[in-house]
N, C-alpha and C. Protein backbone atom coordinates (compact mmCIF):
# COMPACT_ATOMS: atom_id res chain seq x y z
N MET A 1 22.22 0.83 -5.05
CA MET A 1 21.26 -0.20 -4.71
C MET A 1 20.16 0.35 -3.81
N ARG A 2 20.55 1.14 -2.82
CA ARG A 2 19.58 1.73 -1.89
C ARG A 2 18.66 2.71 -2.62
N VAL A 3 19.21 3.48 -3.56
CA VAL A 3 18.41 4.43 -4.33
C VAL A 3 17.38 3.69 -5.17
N MET A 4 17.80 2.58 -5.78
CA MET A 4 16.89 1.79 -6.61
C MET A 4 15.78 1.19 -5.75
N GLU A 5 16.15 0.69 -4.57
CA GLU A 5 15.16 0.11 -3.66
C GLU A 5 14.13 1.17 -3.25
N THR A 6 14.60 2.37 -2.94
CA THR A 6 13.70 3.46 -2.56
C THR A 6 12.78 3.82 -3.72
N ALA A 7 13.32 3.90 -4.93
CA ALA A 7 12.51 4.23 -6.11
C ALA A 7 11.45 3.16 -6.37
N LEU A 8 11.83 1.89 -6.23
CA LEU A 8 10.87 0.81 -6.42
C LEU A 8 9.77 0.85 -5.37
N ARG A 9 10.16 1.14 -4.14
CA ARG A 9 9.19 1.22 -3.06
C ARG A 9 8.19 2.35 -3.30
N ARG A 10 8.68 3.49 -3.77
CA ARG A 10 7.80 4.62 -4.07
C ARG A 10 6.87 4.28 -5.23
N ALA A 11 7.40 3.64 -6.25
CA ALA A 11 6.57 3.26 -7.40
C ALA A 11 5.48 2.28 -6.98
N LEU A 12 5.84 1.31 -6.15
CA LEU A 12 4.86 0.36 -5.65
C LEU A 12 3.82 1.08 -4.81
N GLY A 13 4.26 2.01 -3.98
CA GLY A 13 3.34 2.78 -3.16
C GLY A 13 2.36 3.56 -4.00
N CYS A 14 2.83 4.20 -5.07
CA CYS A 14 1.96 4.96 -5.97
C CYS A 14 0.96 4.03 -6.65
N PHE A 15 1.43 2.86 -7.08
CA PHE A 15 0.54 1.89 -7.71
C PHE A 15 -0.55 1.44 -6.74
N LEU A 16 -0.15 1.09 -5.50
CA LEU A 16 -1.12 0.67 -4.50
C LEU A 16 -2.10 1.78 -4.17
N LEU A 17 -1.61 3.03 -4.11
CA LEU A 17 -2.49 4.16 -3.84
C LEU A 17 -3.53 4.30 -4.94
N LEU A 18 -3.11 4.22 -6.20
CA LEU A 18 -4.05 4.35 -7.30
C LEU A 18 -5.08 3.23 -7.27
N CYS A 19 -4.63 2.01 -6.98
CA CYS A 19 -5.56 0.87 -6.90
C CYS A 19 -6.55 1.07 -5.77
N SER A 20 -6.04 1.48 -4.61
CA SER A 20 -6.93 1.61 -3.45
C SER A 20 -7.87 2.78 -3.60
N LEU A 21 -7.43 3.87 -4.25
CA LEU A 21 -8.29 5.03 -4.39
C LEU A 21 -9.39 4.81 -5.41
N SER A 22 -9.12 3.99 -6.41
CA SER A 22 -10.14 3.76 -7.42
C SER A 22 -11.15 2.71 -6.98
N ALA A 23 -10.80 1.90 -5.99
CA ALA A 23 -11.65 0.79 -5.60
C ALA A 23 -12.68 1.16 -4.53
N TRP A 24 -12.56 2.31 -3.89
CA TRP A 24 -13.43 2.65 -2.77
C TRP A 24 -14.07 4.01 -2.98
N ALA A 25 -15.38 4.07 -2.85
CA ALA A 25 -16.07 5.34 -2.97
C ALA A 25 -16.33 5.95 -1.60
N GLU A 26 -16.67 5.13 -0.63
CA GLU A 26 -16.86 5.58 0.75
C GLU A 26 -16.66 4.39 1.68
N GLU A 27 -16.55 4.68 2.94
CA GLU A 27 -16.30 3.62 3.93
C GLU A 27 -17.17 3.89 5.15
N ARG A 28 -17.82 2.84 5.66
CA ARG A 28 -18.66 2.94 6.86
C ARG A 28 -17.96 2.20 8.00
N ILE A 29 -17.85 2.88 9.14
CA ILE A 29 -17.19 2.30 10.31
C ILE A 29 -18.06 2.56 11.53
N SER A 30 -18.15 1.59 12.41
CA SER A 30 -18.88 1.74 13.66
C SER A 30 -17.94 2.29 14.73
N ILE A 31 -18.34 3.39 15.34
CA ILE A 31 -17.55 4.09 16.36
C ILE A 31 -18.15 3.81 17.74
N CYS A 32 -17.33 3.44 18.71
CA CYS A 32 -17.79 3.16 20.08
C CYS A 32 -17.72 4.42 20.94
N PHE A 33 -18.66 4.55 21.89
CA PHE A 33 -18.60 5.64 22.86
C PHE A 33 -19.46 5.31 24.08
N ASN A 34 -19.46 6.22 25.03
CA ASN A 34 -20.18 6.11 26.31
C ASN A 34 -19.65 5.00 27.21
N TYR A 35 -18.37 4.74 27.12
CA TYR A 35 -17.62 3.85 28.00
C TYR A 35 -18.00 2.37 27.81
N GLY A 36 -17.00 1.59 27.59
CA GLY A 36 -17.17 0.15 27.43
C GLY A 36 -17.88 -0.22 26.14
N CYS A 37 -17.89 0.66 25.15
CA CYS A 37 -18.55 0.43 23.86
C CYS A 37 -20.04 0.19 24.04
N HIS A 38 -20.63 0.87 25.05
CA HIS A 38 -22.07 0.70 25.32
C HIS A 38 -22.95 1.34 24.26
N ALA A 39 -22.42 2.29 23.53
CA ALA A 39 -23.16 2.90 22.42
C ALA A 39 -22.25 2.89 21.20
N GLN A 40 -22.87 2.82 20.03
CA GLN A 40 -22.11 2.85 18.79
C GLN A 40 -22.87 3.68 17.76
N ALA A 41 -22.13 4.29 16.88
CA ALA A 41 -22.72 5.04 15.78
C ALA A 41 -21.95 4.72 14.52
N GLU A 42 -22.67 4.56 13.43
CA GLU A 42 -22.01 4.33 12.15
C GLU A 42 -21.65 5.68 11.53
N VAL A 43 -20.40 5.82 11.15
CA VAL A 43 -19.97 7.04 10.46
C VAL A 43 -19.53 6.66 9.05
N VAL A 44 -19.63 7.62 8.16
CA VAL A 44 -19.28 7.40 6.76
C VAL A 44 -18.14 8.32 6.38
N TYR A 45 -17.07 7.73 5.86
CA TYR A 45 -15.96 8.51 5.33
C TYR A 45 -16.14 8.61 3.82
N SER A 46 -16.14 9.83 3.32
CA SER A 46 -16.40 10.08 1.90
C SER A 46 -15.20 9.70 1.04
N ASP A 47 -15.45 9.63 -0.23
CA ASP A 47 -14.39 9.36 -1.21
C ASP A 47 -13.29 10.42 -1.07
N LYS A 48 -13.68 11.68 -0.93
CA LYS A 48 -12.71 12.77 -0.81
C LYS A 48 -11.85 12.60 0.45
N GLN A 49 -12.48 12.25 1.57
CA GLN A 49 -11.73 12.04 2.81
C GLN A 49 -10.79 10.86 2.68
N LEU A 50 -11.25 9.77 2.08
CA LEU A 50 -10.41 8.59 1.92
C LEU A 50 -9.22 8.87 1.02
N ARG A 51 -9.42 9.63 -0.02
CA ARG A 51 -8.30 10.00 -0.90
C ARG A 51 -7.27 10.83 -0.15
N ARG A 52 -7.75 11.74 0.68
CA ARG A 52 -6.84 12.58 1.47
C ARG A 52 -6.01 11.72 2.43
N ILE A 53 -6.69 10.79 3.10
CA ILE A 53 -5.98 9.88 4.01
C ILE A 53 -5.01 9.01 3.24
N GLY A 54 -5.44 8.49 2.11
CA GLY A 54 -4.57 7.63 1.30
C GLY A 54 -3.30 8.34 0.88
N ARG A 55 -3.42 9.58 0.44
CA ARG A 55 -2.23 10.35 0.04
C ARG A 55 -1.29 10.56 1.22
N ALA A 56 -1.85 10.88 2.37
CA ALA A 56 -1.01 11.10 3.56
C ALA A 56 -0.29 9.82 3.97
N MET A 57 -0.99 8.70 3.93
CA MET A 57 -0.38 7.44 4.34
C MET A 57 0.66 6.97 3.34
N MET A 58 0.39 7.14 2.07
CA MET A 58 1.32 6.65 1.06
C MET A 58 2.58 7.52 0.96
N ALA A 59 2.57 8.68 1.59
CA ALA A 59 3.77 9.53 1.61
C ALA A 59 4.83 8.98 2.56
N ALA A 60 4.45 8.05 3.43
CA ALA A 60 5.42 7.45 4.36
C ALA A 60 6.47 6.67 3.59
N THR A 61 7.73 6.81 4.00
CA THR A 61 8.83 6.15 3.29
C THR A 61 9.49 5.03 4.10
N ASP A 62 9.10 4.89 5.36
CA ASP A 62 9.65 3.82 6.21
C ASP A 62 8.72 3.64 7.40
N SER A 63 9.05 2.71 8.28
CA SER A 63 8.16 2.42 9.40
C SER A 63 8.00 3.61 10.35
N GLU A 64 9.05 4.38 10.54
CA GLU A 64 8.97 5.53 11.45
C GLU A 64 8.03 6.60 10.90
N THR A 65 8.19 6.94 9.62
CA THR A 65 7.31 7.97 9.05
C THR A 65 5.88 7.45 8.90
N GLU A 66 5.73 6.14 8.75
CA GLU A 66 4.38 5.58 8.71
C GLU A 66 3.72 5.70 10.08
N ARG A 67 4.45 5.48 11.17
CA ARG A 67 3.87 5.65 12.50
C ARG A 67 3.46 7.11 12.72
N ASP A 68 4.26 8.05 12.24
CA ASP A 68 3.88 9.47 12.34
C ASP A 68 2.58 9.72 11.58
N ALA A 69 2.48 9.15 10.39
CA ALA A 69 1.28 9.32 9.57
C ALA A 69 0.07 8.66 10.23
N ILE A 70 0.26 7.51 10.84
CA ILE A 70 -0.82 6.82 11.55
C ILE A 70 -1.34 7.71 12.68
N SER A 71 -0.45 8.31 13.44
CA SER A 71 -0.84 9.18 14.55
C SER A 71 -1.77 10.29 14.09
N VAL A 72 -1.35 11.01 13.05
CA VAL A 72 -2.14 12.13 12.52
C VAL A 72 -3.44 11.63 11.89
N THR A 73 -3.37 10.54 11.16
CA THR A 73 -4.53 10.01 10.45
C THR A 73 -5.61 9.55 11.42
N ILE A 74 -5.24 8.87 12.49
CA ILE A 74 -6.24 8.44 13.47
C ILE A 74 -6.93 9.65 14.07
N GLY A 75 -6.18 10.69 14.41
CA GLY A 75 -6.79 11.91 14.92
C GLY A 75 -7.77 12.52 13.93
N ARG A 76 -7.36 12.57 12.66
CA ARG A 76 -8.21 13.16 11.62
C ARG A 76 -9.49 12.33 11.44
N LEU A 77 -9.36 11.00 11.40
CA LEU A 77 -10.54 10.15 11.23
C LEU A 77 -11.50 10.29 12.40
N LEU A 78 -10.97 10.40 13.62
CA LEU A 78 -11.83 10.58 14.79
C LEU A 78 -12.50 11.96 14.78
N LYS A 79 -11.79 12.97 14.30
CA LYS A 79 -12.39 14.30 14.20
C LYS A 79 -13.55 14.29 13.20
N TRP A 80 -13.35 13.66 12.05
CA TRP A 80 -14.43 13.55 11.07
C TRP A 80 -15.59 12.74 11.64
N ALA A 81 -15.28 11.69 12.41
CA ALA A 81 -16.33 10.89 13.04
C ALA A 81 -17.12 11.73 14.04
N GLY A 82 -16.44 12.68 14.70
CA GLY A 82 -17.10 13.56 15.66
C GLY A 82 -18.09 14.51 15.01
N LYS A 83 -17.99 14.72 13.72
CA LYS A 83 -18.95 15.57 13.01
C LYS A 83 -20.24 14.81 12.69
N GLN A 84 -20.20 13.47 12.83
CA GLN A 84 -21.36 12.65 12.52
C GLN A 84 -21.89 11.90 13.75
N SER A 85 -21.23 12.05 14.86
CA SER A 85 -21.59 11.31 16.07
C SER A 85 -21.28 12.20 17.28
N PRO A 86 -21.70 11.79 18.47
CA PRO A 86 -21.47 12.63 19.65
C PRO A 86 -20.04 12.63 20.18
N ILE A 87 -19.09 11.91 19.54
CA ILE A 87 -17.74 11.82 20.13
C ILE A 87 -16.94 13.10 20.02
N SER A 88 -17.48 14.13 19.37
CA SER A 88 -16.76 15.41 19.30
C SER A 88 -16.53 16.00 20.69
N VAL A 89 -17.34 15.59 21.67
CA VAL A 89 -17.21 16.12 23.04
C VAL A 89 -16.13 15.40 23.85
N ASP A 90 -15.59 14.31 23.31
CA ASP A 90 -14.63 13.51 24.07
C ASP A 90 -13.37 14.30 24.40
N ARG A 91 -12.94 14.22 25.66
CA ARG A 91 -11.73 14.88 26.14
C ARG A 91 -10.72 13.82 26.55
N GLY A 92 -9.46 14.18 26.52
CA GLY A 92 -8.40 13.24 26.88
C GLY A 92 -8.60 12.68 28.28
N GLY A 93 -8.30 11.40 28.44
CA GLY A 93 -8.49 10.74 29.73
C GLY A 93 -9.96 10.46 29.99
N ASN A 94 -10.31 10.30 31.27
CA ASN A 94 -11.69 9.98 31.63
C ASN A 94 -12.34 11.03 32.52
N ILE A 95 -11.64 12.10 32.87
CA ILE A 95 -12.20 13.05 33.83
C ILE A 95 -12.89 14.23 33.16
N GLY A 96 -12.34 14.77 32.11
CA GLY A 96 -12.84 16.01 31.51
C GLY A 96 -14.20 15.91 30.85
N ASP A 97 -14.72 14.71 30.62
CA ASP A 97 -16.00 14.57 29.93
C ASP A 97 -16.90 13.56 30.63
N ASP A 98 -16.80 13.51 31.93
CA ASP A 98 -17.44 12.45 32.72
C ASP A 98 -18.94 12.33 32.54
N ASP A 99 -19.66 13.43 32.37
CA ASP A 99 -21.12 13.37 32.37
C ASP A 99 -21.77 13.66 31.01
N VAL A 100 -21.06 13.47 29.92
CA VAL A 100 -21.63 13.81 28.62
C VAL A 100 -21.78 12.57 27.74
N SER A 101 -22.79 12.58 26.90
CA SER A 101 -22.94 11.51 25.92
C SER A 101 -21.92 11.76 24.81
N GLY A 102 -21.21 10.71 24.44
CA GLY A 102 -20.16 10.82 23.45
C GLY A 102 -18.78 10.66 24.05
N LYS A 103 -18.70 10.59 25.38
CA LYS A 103 -17.41 10.38 26.05
C LYS A 103 -16.87 9.01 25.65
N MET A 104 -15.56 8.91 25.66
CA MET A 104 -14.91 7.65 25.27
C MET A 104 -13.87 7.26 26.31
N ASP A 105 -13.96 6.02 26.79
CA ASP A 105 -12.90 5.50 27.66
C ASP A 105 -11.91 4.72 26.80
N CYS A 106 -10.94 4.08 27.44
CA CYS A 106 -9.90 3.40 26.68
C CYS A 106 -10.44 2.20 25.89
N ILE A 107 -11.54 1.60 26.35
CA ILE A 107 -12.14 0.49 25.60
C ILE A 107 -12.75 1.02 24.31
N ASP A 108 -13.46 2.15 24.41
CA ASP A 108 -14.02 2.78 23.20
C ASP A 108 -12.91 3.15 22.22
N HIS A 109 -11.86 3.79 22.75
CA HIS A 109 -10.76 4.23 21.88
C HIS A 109 -10.02 3.05 21.25
N SER A 110 -9.69 2.05 22.05
CA SER A 110 -8.91 0.93 21.49
C SER A 110 -9.72 0.15 20.46
N THR A 111 -11.01 -0.02 20.71
CA THR A 111 -11.87 -0.73 19.76
C THR A 111 -12.02 0.06 18.46
N THR A 112 -12.34 1.35 18.59
CA THR A 112 -12.54 2.20 17.42
C THR A 112 -11.25 2.36 16.63
N THR A 113 -10.14 2.62 17.32
CA THR A 113 -8.86 2.80 16.63
C THR A 113 -8.46 1.52 15.91
N THR A 114 -8.70 0.37 16.51
CA THR A 114 -8.40 -0.90 15.85
C THR A 114 -9.23 -1.05 14.58
N ARG A 115 -10.50 -0.67 14.64
CA ARG A 115 -11.35 -0.73 13.44
C ARG A 115 -10.82 0.20 12.35
N LEU A 116 -10.38 1.39 12.74
CA LEU A 116 -9.83 2.34 11.77
C LEU A 116 -8.53 1.81 11.17
N LEU A 117 -7.69 1.20 11.98
CA LEU A 117 -6.44 0.62 11.48
C LEU A 117 -6.72 -0.52 10.50
N HIS A 118 -7.72 -1.35 10.81
CA HIS A 118 -8.09 -2.43 9.89
C HIS A 118 -8.58 -1.85 8.56
N MET A 119 -9.36 -0.76 8.62
CA MET A 119 -9.81 -0.12 7.39
C MET A 119 -8.61 0.36 6.58
N MET A 120 -7.64 0.98 7.25
CA MET A 120 -6.45 1.46 6.57
C MET A 120 -5.68 0.30 5.94
N GLU A 121 -5.64 -0.80 6.65
CA GLU A 121 -4.95 -1.99 6.13
C GLU A 121 -5.67 -2.54 4.89
N GLU A 122 -7.00 -2.56 4.92
CA GLU A 122 -7.77 -3.05 3.78
C GLU A 122 -7.54 -2.19 2.54
N HIS A 123 -7.23 -0.93 2.74
CA HIS A 123 -6.96 -0.02 1.62
C HIS A 123 -5.48 -0.08 1.19
N ASN A 124 -4.71 -0.95 1.82
CA ASN A 124 -3.27 -1.08 1.52
C ASN A 124 -2.48 0.17 1.88
N TRP A 125 -2.95 0.93 2.88
CA TRP A 125 -2.25 2.13 3.30
C TRP A 125 -1.20 1.84 4.37
N LEU A 126 -1.24 0.67 4.98
CA LEU A 126 -0.20 0.28 5.94
C LEU A 126 0.77 -0.63 5.20
N ARG A 127 1.92 -0.09 4.85
CA ARG A 127 2.91 -0.87 4.11
C ARG A 127 4.01 -1.39 5.02
N TYR A 128 4.20 -0.77 6.18
CA TYR A 128 5.30 -1.12 7.07
C TYR A 128 4.82 -1.72 8.40
N HIS A 129 3.51 -1.80 8.59
CA HIS A 129 2.93 -2.33 9.83
C HIS A 129 1.69 -3.15 9.51
N HIS A 130 1.28 -3.96 10.47
CA HIS A 130 -0.04 -4.58 10.39
C HIS A 130 -0.70 -4.45 11.75
N THR A 131 -2.00 -4.58 11.76
CA THR A 131 -2.82 -4.35 12.94
C THR A 131 -2.95 -5.61 13.77
N LEU A 132 -2.80 -5.45 15.08
CA LEU A 132 -3.01 -6.54 16.03
C LEU A 132 -4.26 -6.24 16.86
N GLU A 133 -4.64 -7.19 17.68
CA GLU A 133 -5.77 -6.97 18.59
C GLU A 133 -5.34 -5.99 19.69
N PRO A 134 -6.32 -5.29 20.29
CA PRO A 134 -5.98 -4.37 21.39
C PRO A 134 -5.22 -5.08 22.51
N VAL A 135 -4.45 -4.29 23.23
CA VAL A 135 -3.63 -4.81 24.32
C VAL A 135 -4.00 -4.07 25.60
N ALA A 136 -3.81 -4.73 26.76
CA ALA A 136 -4.12 -4.11 28.06
C ALA A 136 -2.86 -4.03 28.92
N ARG A 137 -2.80 -2.97 29.70
CA ARG A 137 -1.77 -2.89 30.74
C ARG A 137 -2.50 -2.75 32.06
N ARG A 138 -1.90 -3.33 33.09
CA ARG A 138 -2.53 -3.31 34.41
C ARG A 138 -1.59 -2.66 35.42
N HIS A 139 -2.15 -1.73 36.18
CA HIS A 139 -1.42 -1.10 37.27
C HIS A 139 -2.24 -1.31 38.53
N PHE A 140 -1.58 -1.78 39.53
CA PHE A 140 -2.25 -2.15 40.77
C PHE A 140 -3.27 -3.24 40.46
N VAL A 141 -4.27 -3.40 41.26
CA VAL A 141 -5.22 -4.49 41.04
C VAL A 141 -6.42 -4.04 40.22
N PHE A 142 -6.82 -2.77 40.35
CA PHE A 142 -8.09 -2.34 39.79
C PHE A 142 -8.01 -1.52 38.50
N PHE A 143 -6.84 -1.07 38.10
CA PHE A 143 -6.78 -0.18 36.95
C PHE A 143 -6.22 -0.90 35.74
N GLU A 144 -7.03 -0.98 34.70
CA GLU A 144 -6.59 -1.53 33.41
C GLU A 144 -6.73 -0.43 32.37
N HIS A 145 -5.82 -0.43 31.43
CA HIS A 145 -5.88 0.53 30.33
C HIS A 145 -5.63 -0.22 29.03
N TYR A 146 -6.47 0.03 28.04
CA TYR A 146 -6.40 -0.67 26.76
C TYR A 146 -5.94 0.28 25.65
N SER A 147 -5.30 -0.28 24.64
CA SER A 147 -4.89 0.50 23.48
C SER A 147 -4.90 -0.38 22.23
N ALA A 148 -5.08 0.28 21.10
CA ALA A 148 -4.89 -0.40 19.81
C ALA A 148 -3.40 -0.71 19.67
N GLN A 149 -3.07 -1.65 18.80
CA GLN A 149 -1.69 -2.12 18.70
C GLN A 149 -1.33 -2.44 17.24
N ILE A 150 -0.13 -2.08 16.87
CA ILE A 150 0.40 -2.41 15.54
C ILE A 150 1.75 -3.09 15.70
N GLU A 151 2.18 -3.74 14.64
CA GLU A 151 3.47 -4.43 14.63
C GLU A 151 4.16 -4.13 13.31
N GLU A 152 5.47 -3.90 13.37
CA GLU A 152 6.22 -3.69 12.13
C GLU A 152 6.10 -4.92 11.24
N ALA A 153 6.01 -4.68 9.97
CA ALA A 153 5.80 -5.77 9.01
C ALA A 153 7.03 -6.66 8.85
N SER A 154 8.22 -6.10 9.05
CA SER A 154 9.43 -6.92 8.92
C SER A 154 10.08 -7.07 10.29
N PRO A 155 10.67 -8.23 10.57
CA PRO A 155 11.29 -8.44 11.86
C PRO A 155 12.40 -7.43 12.14
N ALA A 156 12.49 -7.06 13.39
CA ALA A 156 13.54 -6.13 13.82
C ALA A 156 14.89 -6.84 13.74
N THR A 157 15.94 -6.07 13.68
CA THR A 157 17.27 -6.65 13.55
C THR A 157 17.71 -7.37 14.82
N MET A 158 17.22 -6.95 15.96
CA MET A 158 17.66 -7.57 17.22
C MET A 158 16.75 -8.74 17.57
N GLY A 159 17.27 -9.93 17.54
CA GLY A 159 16.53 -11.11 17.95
C GLY A 159 15.51 -11.61 16.94
N GLY A 160 15.35 -10.94 15.83
CA GLY A 160 14.42 -11.39 14.81
C GLY A 160 12.96 -11.18 15.14
N GLU A 161 12.63 -10.49 16.24
CA GLU A 161 11.24 -10.27 16.59
C GLU A 161 10.78 -8.92 16.05
N ALA A 162 9.54 -8.90 15.56
CA ALA A 162 8.99 -7.64 15.06
C ALA A 162 8.71 -6.71 16.22
N LYS A 163 8.88 -5.42 15.97
CA LYS A 163 8.63 -4.41 17.00
C LYS A 163 7.14 -4.09 17.04
N ARG A 164 6.62 -3.97 18.27
CA ARG A 164 5.21 -3.64 18.46
C ARG A 164 5.07 -2.24 19.06
N PHE A 165 3.97 -1.58 18.69
CA PHE A 165 3.69 -0.22 19.14
C PHE A 165 2.21 -0.11 19.48
N VAL A 166 1.89 0.78 20.40
CA VAL A 166 0.49 1.10 20.67
C VAL A 166 0.12 2.35 19.88
N VAL A 167 -1.15 2.43 19.54
CA VAL A 167 -1.73 3.62 18.92
C VAL A 167 -2.86 4.02 19.85
N ASP A 168 -2.57 4.97 20.75
CA ASP A 168 -3.47 5.27 21.86
C ASP A 168 -4.08 6.67 21.72
N SER A 169 -5.32 6.72 21.26
CA SER A 169 -6.01 7.99 21.06
C SER A 169 -6.72 8.47 22.32
N TRP A 170 -6.75 7.68 23.38
CA TRP A 170 -7.44 8.00 24.63
C TRP A 170 -6.82 9.21 25.34
N PHE A 171 -5.54 9.41 25.17
CA PHE A 171 -4.83 10.45 25.93
C PHE A 171 -5.27 11.87 25.58
N PHE A 172 -5.82 12.09 24.38
CA PHE A 172 -6.04 13.44 23.88
C PHE A 172 -7.50 13.71 23.54
N ASP A 173 -7.84 15.00 23.45
CA ASP A 173 -9.18 15.40 23.02
C ASP A 173 -9.45 14.90 21.61
N ASN A 174 -10.74 14.75 21.30
CA ASN A 174 -11.14 14.27 19.98
C ASN A 174 -10.48 15.07 18.86
N GLY A 175 -9.95 14.35 17.89
CA GLY A 175 -9.37 14.98 16.71
C GLY A 175 -7.88 15.22 16.79
N GLN A 176 -7.28 15.05 17.95
CA GLN A 176 -5.84 15.25 18.09
C GLN A 176 -5.10 13.98 17.65
N PRO A 177 -3.86 14.12 17.18
CA PRO A 177 -3.09 12.92 16.81
C PRO A 177 -2.97 11.94 17.98
N ALA A 178 -3.02 10.67 17.67
CA ALA A 178 -2.90 9.61 18.68
C ALA A 178 -1.45 9.49 19.15
N ALA A 179 -1.28 9.04 20.38
CA ALA A 179 0.06 8.71 20.88
C ALA A 179 0.46 7.37 20.26
N VAL A 180 1.62 7.34 19.61
CA VAL A 180 2.16 6.10 19.07
C VAL A 180 3.51 5.91 19.73
N MET A 181 3.64 4.80 20.48
CA MET A 181 4.88 4.57 21.23
C MET A 181 5.17 3.08 21.32
N PRO A 182 6.41 2.73 21.61
CA PRO A 182 6.74 1.31 21.73
C PRO A 182 5.87 0.63 22.79
N LEU A 183 5.44 -0.57 22.49
CA LEU A 183 4.60 -1.32 23.42
C LEU A 183 5.26 -1.46 24.78
N ALA A 184 6.55 -1.78 24.80
CA ALA A 184 7.24 -1.99 26.09
C ALA A 184 7.20 -0.74 26.96
N SER A 185 7.38 0.44 26.35
CA SER A 185 7.33 1.69 27.10
C SER A 185 5.93 1.93 27.65
N TRP A 186 4.93 1.69 26.82
CA TRP A 186 3.54 1.88 27.23
C TRP A 186 3.18 0.92 28.36
N LEU A 187 3.60 -0.34 28.25
CA LEU A 187 3.33 -1.32 29.30
C LEU A 187 3.96 -0.92 30.62
N ALA A 188 5.09 -0.21 30.54
CA ALA A 188 5.77 0.26 31.75
C ALA A 188 5.11 1.49 32.35
N GLY A 189 4.04 1.98 31.73
CA GLY A 189 3.29 3.10 32.28
C GLY A 189 3.55 4.43 31.62
N GLU A 190 4.36 4.46 30.57
CA GLU A 190 4.64 5.73 29.90
C GLU A 190 3.46 6.20 29.08
N GLY A 191 3.42 7.49 28.85
CA GLY A 191 2.38 8.12 28.06
C GLY A 191 2.19 9.54 28.50
N PRO A 192 1.50 10.34 27.71
CA PRO A 192 1.25 11.73 28.11
C PRO A 192 0.47 11.78 29.42
N ASP A 193 0.71 12.80 30.20
CA ASP A 193 0.05 12.97 31.49
C ASP A 193 -1.32 13.60 31.28
N VAL A 194 -2.39 12.83 31.52
CA VAL A 194 -3.73 13.37 31.35
C VAL A 194 -4.54 13.34 32.65
N GLY A 195 -3.91 12.92 33.73
CA GLY A 195 -4.60 12.93 35.02
C GLY A 195 -5.68 11.87 35.17
N ASN A 196 -5.63 10.81 34.34
CA ASN A 196 -6.55 9.70 34.37
C ASN A 196 -7.85 10.10 33.72
């Protein structure tokens, strides 16, 4: 039964991939930068790039492998965006790129990553998750940090609630895979150490 379910899931995935790849020639997305989304640039993802992303995403066989694929895909999409916009200079955190045009704070990252996740969803590349609005965590009174957020498509076994995760590209230099971690861990302050 499990083998048949896996085979059906793969067949459906291949069908959705073929449908999504034939329906889109290119995609235009607005990328935020210069802190607080004060500047934006439209970037274009080519048919070839979209097909590459589609193949990578459709290779996921469950929610865990899809989160791994999301991490790499967001990094790749941001790297390609950096070839068409000034965000190629963006460094992890907020200190390493303080005085350059193209720097991105967590608002820029969470907004842009959410837009990219919505694009992936429109192409039917997210089969095990769906995109939520960005989420904020607060430490002390003055520090807020925002991240894009996804939720598993099927309820978790414990308590019937779907599991939520952040997709946080702010931690790393442009083009690196995004941090994908459970929302609860992220809210508790976990994440790679980038020195703010």
